[in-house]
Amino acid sequence: MTAIQYFWRHPLAEQVREEGREEGRVQERADLVLRLLEWRGVPVGDAVRRQVYACGDLDRLESWAQRAMRVTDAAELFAPE
């Protein structure tokens, strides 16, 4: 029992948990970007979907989520401002 409790308190275990949380936040934000487009009736092609899911940067995904509220074409998400 002590060995199991020790493992969960180990810094490596905490690092793995934090990485999992980060991946979850990225996945959640990517889903939000695509849902916003869907809710607004903006068609989303496979290339756009792949690019959104390939992004691992929360700040960029946040920017895309904000853009998703005003674009008329999903490809406009990736246009430079």
N, C-alpha and C. Protein backbone atom coordinates (compact mmCIF):
# COMPACT_ATOMS: atom_id res chain seq x y z
N MET A 1 0.82 -1.19 0.00
CA MET A 1 0.00 0.00 0.00
C MET A 1 0.86 1.26 0.00
N THR A 2 1.93 1.26 0.73
CA THR A 2 2.80 2.43 0.80
C THR A 2 3.43 2.72 -0.56
N ALA A 3 3.85 1.69 -1.27
CA ALA A 3 4.48 1.87 -2.57
C ALA A 3 3.51 2.52 -3.55
N ILE A 4 2.26 2.15 -3.51
CA ILE A 4 1.26 2.72 -4.41
C ILE A 4 1.04 4.19 -4.08
N GLN A 5 0.90 4.52 -2.81
CA GLN A 5 0.72 5.91 -2.41
C GLN A 5 1.93 6.74 -2.82
N TYR A 6 3.11 6.19 -2.68
CA TYR A 6 4.33 6.91 -3.03
C TYR A 6 4.34 7.22 -4.52
N PHE A 7 3.94 6.26 -5.34
CA PHE A 7 3.95 6.47 -6.78
C PHE A 7 3.10 7.68 -7.17
N TRP A 8 1.91 7.80 -6.61
CA TRP A 8 1.02 8.90 -6.98
C TRP A 8 1.55 10.25 -6.53
N ARG A 9 2.44 10.27 -5.55
CA ARG A 9 3.03 11.52 -5.08
C ARG A 9 4.36 11.82 -5.76
N HIS A 10 4.84 10.90 -6.52
CA HIS A 10 6.13 11.05 -7.19
C HIS A 10 6.04 12.19 -8.23
N PRO A 11 7.09 13.00 -8.36
CA PRO A 11 7.07 14.10 -9.34
C PRO A 11 6.80 13.63 -10.78
N LEU A 12 7.29 12.48 -11.14
CA LEU A 12 7.04 11.97 -12.48
C LEU A 12 5.54 11.70 -12.69
N ALA A 13 4.89 11.16 -11.69
CA ALA A 13 3.46 10.90 -11.80
C ALA A 13 2.70 12.22 -11.94
N GLU A 14 3.10 13.23 -11.21
CA GLU A 14 2.45 14.55 -11.32
C GLU A 14 2.69 15.14 -12.70
N GLN A 15 3.87 14.97 -13.24
CA GLN A 15 4.17 15.47 -14.58
C GLN A 15 3.29 14.80 -15.62
N VAL A 16 3.12 13.50 -15.50
CA VAL A 16 2.27 12.76 -16.44
C VAL A 16 0.83 13.25 -16.34
N ARG A 17 0.36 13.47 -15.10
CA ARG A 17 -1.01 13.96 -14.92
C ARG A 17 -1.16 15.35 -15.55
N GLU A 18 -0.18 16.23 -15.34
CA GLU A 18 -0.26 17.58 -15.89
C GLU A 18 -0.25 17.55 -17.42
N GLU A 19 0.58 16.70 -18.00
CA GLU A 19 0.60 16.57 -19.46
C GLU A 19 -0.76 16.10 -19.97
N GLY A 20 -1.38 15.20 -19.25
CA GLY A 20 -2.71 14.72 -19.64
C GLY A 20 -3.75 15.83 -19.55
N ARG A 21 -3.65 16.65 -18.51
CA ARG A 21 -4.57 17.78 -18.37
C ARG A 21 -4.38 18.77 -19.52
N GLU A 22 -3.12 19.04 -19.86
CA GLU A 22 -2.82 19.97 -20.96
C GLU A 22 -3.38 19.44 -22.28
N GLU A 23 -3.17 18.16 -22.54
CA GLU A 23 -3.72 17.56 -23.76
C GLU A 23 -5.24 17.67 -23.78
N GLY A 24 -5.85 17.49 -22.62
CA GLY A 24 -7.31 17.61 -22.53
C GLY A 24 -7.78 19.02 -22.83
N ARG A 25 -7.04 20.02 -22.33
CA ARG A 25 -7.40 21.42 -22.61
C ARG A 25 -7.27 21.72 -24.10
N VAL A 26 -6.21 21.22 -24.72
CA VAL A 26 -6.01 21.45 -26.15
C VAL A 26 -7.14 20.79 -26.95
N GLN A 27 -7.46 19.56 -26.63
CA GLN A 27 -8.54 18.84 -27.32
C GLN A 27 -9.87 19.57 -27.15
N GLU A 28 -10.13 20.02 -25.95
CA GLU A 28 -11.38 20.72 -25.66
C GLU A 28 -11.48 22.02 -26.46
N ARG A 29 -10.37 22.76 -26.54
CA ARG A 29 -10.37 24.03 -27.28
C ARG A 29 -10.54 23.78 -28.77
N ALA A 30 -9.89 22.75 -29.31
CA ALA A 30 -10.04 22.42 -30.72
C ALA A 30 -11.50 22.04 -31.02
N ASP A 31 -12.10 21.27 -30.14
CA ASP A 31 -13.50 20.90 -30.30
C ASP A 31 -14.38 22.15 -30.31
N LEU A 32 -14.07 23.11 -29.44
CA LEU A 32 -14.85 24.34 -29.36
C LEU A 32 -14.78 25.12 -30.68
N VAL A 33 -13.59 25.25 -31.24
CA VAL A 33 -13.43 25.96 -32.51
C VAL A 33 -14.34 25.35 -33.57
N LEU A 34 -14.31 24.04 -33.67
CA LEU A 34 -15.11 23.37 -34.70
C LEU A 34 -16.60 23.44 -34.40
N ARG A 35 -16.97 23.35 -33.13
CA ARG A 35 -18.39 23.46 -32.76
C ARG A 35 -18.93 24.86 -33.07
N LEU A 36 -18.13 25.89 -32.78
CA LEU A 36 -18.57 27.25 -33.07
C LEU A 36 -18.88 27.42 -34.55
N LEU A 37 -18.00 26.90 -35.39
CA LEU A 37 -18.24 26.97 -36.82
C LEU A 37 -19.51 26.21 -37.20
N GLU A 38 -19.65 25.03 -36.63
CA GLU A 38 -20.83 24.20 -36.91
C GLU A 38 -22.11 24.90 -36.47
N TRP A 39 -22.11 25.47 -35.28
CA TRP A 39 -23.30 26.15 -34.75
C TRP A 39 -23.69 27.34 -35.63
N ARG A 40 -22.68 27.98 -36.22
CA ARG A 40 -22.94 29.13 -37.06
C ARG A 40 -23.29 28.73 -38.49
N GLY A 41 -23.23 27.44 -38.80
CA GLY A 41 -23.57 26.97 -40.13
C GLY A 41 -22.46 27.12 -41.15
N VAL A 42 -21.22 27.29 -40.67
CA VAL A 42 -20.07 27.41 -41.56
C VAL A 42 -19.55 26.00 -41.86
N PRO A 43 -19.55 25.60 -43.13
CA PRO A 43 -19.06 24.26 -43.47
C PRO A 43 -17.58 24.09 -43.11
N VAL A 44 -17.25 22.93 -42.57
CA VAL A 44 -15.87 22.62 -42.17
C VAL A 44 -15.40 21.41 -42.95
N GLY A 45 -14.40 21.62 -43.79
CA GLY A 45 -13.84 20.52 -44.57
C GLY A 45 -12.84 19.71 -43.76
N ASP A 46 -12.45 18.59 -44.32
CA ASP A 46 -11.50 17.71 -43.65
C ASP A 46 -10.15 18.38 -43.41
N ALA A 47 -9.69 19.19 -44.37
CA ALA A 47 -8.39 19.85 -44.22
C ALA A 47 -8.40 20.82 -43.05
N VAL A 48 -9.48 21.57 -42.89
CA VAL A 48 -9.60 22.50 -41.76
C VAL A 48 -9.66 21.73 -40.46
N ARG A 49 -10.46 20.69 -40.43
CA ARG A 49 -10.60 19.87 -39.22
C ARG A 49 -9.23 19.28 -38.81
N ARG A 50 -8.49 18.78 -39.78
CA ARG A 50 -7.17 18.22 -39.48
C ARG A 50 -6.22 19.29 -38.93
N GLN A 51 -6.26 20.47 -39.52
CA GLN A 51 -5.36 21.54 -39.07
C GLN A 51 -5.71 21.99 -37.66
N VAL A 52 -6.97 22.09 -37.35
CA VAL A 52 -7.39 22.49 -36.00
C VAL A 52 -6.95 21.43 -35.00
N TYR A 53 -7.19 20.17 -35.29
CA TYR A 53 -6.81 19.11 -34.36
C TYR A 53 -5.30 18.91 -34.26
N ALA A 54 -4.56 19.32 -35.28
CA ALA A 54 -3.10 19.19 -35.25
C ALA A 54 -2.44 20.27 -34.40
N CYS A 55 -3.17 21.34 -34.13
CA CYS A 55 -2.61 22.45 -33.37
C CYS A 55 -2.53 22.09 -31.88
N GLY A 56 -1.39 22.33 -31.29
CA GLY A 56 -1.21 22.05 -29.86
C GLY A 56 -1.02 23.30 -29.03
N ASP A 57 -1.25 24.47 -29.64
CA ASP A 57 -1.02 25.75 -28.99
C ASP A 57 -2.36 26.33 -28.51
N LEU A 58 -2.54 26.39 -27.18
CA LEU A 58 -3.80 26.88 -26.62
C LEU A 58 -4.07 28.33 -27.03
N ASP A 59 -3.06 29.16 -27.09
CA ASP A 59 -3.27 30.56 -27.47
C ASP A 59 -3.76 30.68 -28.90
N ARG A 60 -3.17 29.91 -29.79
CA ARG A 60 -3.61 29.93 -31.20
C ARG A 60 -5.04 29.40 -31.31
N LEU A 61 -5.34 28.33 -30.59
CA LEU A 61 -6.71 27.80 -30.62
C LEU A 61 -7.71 28.82 -30.07
N GLU A 62 -7.31 29.56 -29.06
CA GLU A 62 -8.18 30.61 -28.51
C GLU A 62 -8.43 31.69 -29.57
N SER A 63 -7.39 32.06 -30.28
CA SER A 63 -7.53 33.05 -31.36
C SER A 63 -8.47 32.52 -32.44
N TRP A 64 -8.31 31.27 -32.80
CA TRP A 64 -9.19 30.68 -33.81
C TRP A 64 -10.63 30.61 -33.31
N ALA A 65 -10.83 30.35 -32.04
CA ALA A 65 -12.19 30.32 -31.48
C ALA A 65 -12.84 31.70 -31.61
N GLN A 66 -12.07 32.73 -31.34
CA GLN A 66 -12.62 34.09 -31.48
C GLN A 66 -12.93 34.40 -32.94
N ARG A 67 -12.05 33.99 -33.83
CA ARG A 67 -12.30 34.19 -35.26
C ARG A 67 -13.50 33.39 -35.74
N ALA A 68 -13.70 32.21 -35.16
CA ALA A 68 -14.80 31.34 -35.57
C ALA A 68 -16.15 32.03 -35.37
N MET A 69 -16.18 33.04 -34.51
CA MET A 69 -17.43 33.75 -34.26
C MET A 69 -17.78 34.73 -35.38
N ARG A 70 -16.81 35.04 -36.26
CA ARG A 70 -17.09 36.06 -37.29
C ARG A 70 -16.77 35.64 -38.73
N VAL A 71 -16.07 34.52 -38.93
CA VAL A 71 -15.71 34.13 -40.31
C VAL A 71 -16.92 33.57 -41.04
N THR A 72 -16.86 33.65 -42.36
CA THR A 72 -17.91 33.06 -43.19
C THR A 72 -17.42 31.82 -43.93
N ASP A 73 -16.10 31.62 -43.91
CA ASP A 73 -15.48 30.45 -44.52
C ASP A 73 -14.48 29.90 -43.51
N ALA A 74 -14.52 28.61 -43.26
CA ALA A 74 -13.67 28.01 -42.22
C ALA A 74 -12.19 28.25 -42.49
N ALA A 75 -11.77 28.34 -43.73
CA ALA A 75 -10.35 28.56 -44.05
C ALA A 75 -9.88 29.93 -43.58
N GLU A 76 -10.80 30.87 -43.35
CA GLU A 76 -10.44 32.19 -42.86
C GLU A 76 -9.86 32.15 -41.46
N LEU A 77 -10.06 31.06 -40.73
CA LEU A 77 -9.48 30.92 -39.40
C LEU A 77 -7.96 31.11 -39.43
N PHE A 78 -7.34 30.62 -40.50
CA PHE A 78 -5.90 30.54 -40.58
C PHE A 78 -5.26 31.74 -41.28
N ALA A 79 -6.07 32.68 -41.76
CA ALA A 79 -5.53 33.86 -42.45
C ALA A 79 -4.80 34.75 -41.46
N PRO A 80 -3.66 35.31 -41.89
CA PRO A 80 -2.95 36.23 -40.99
C PRO A 80 -3.78 37.49 -40.77
N GLU A 81 -3.64 38.05 -39.61
CA GLU A 81 -4.42 39.27 -39.31
C GLU A 81 -3.69 40.50 -39.72
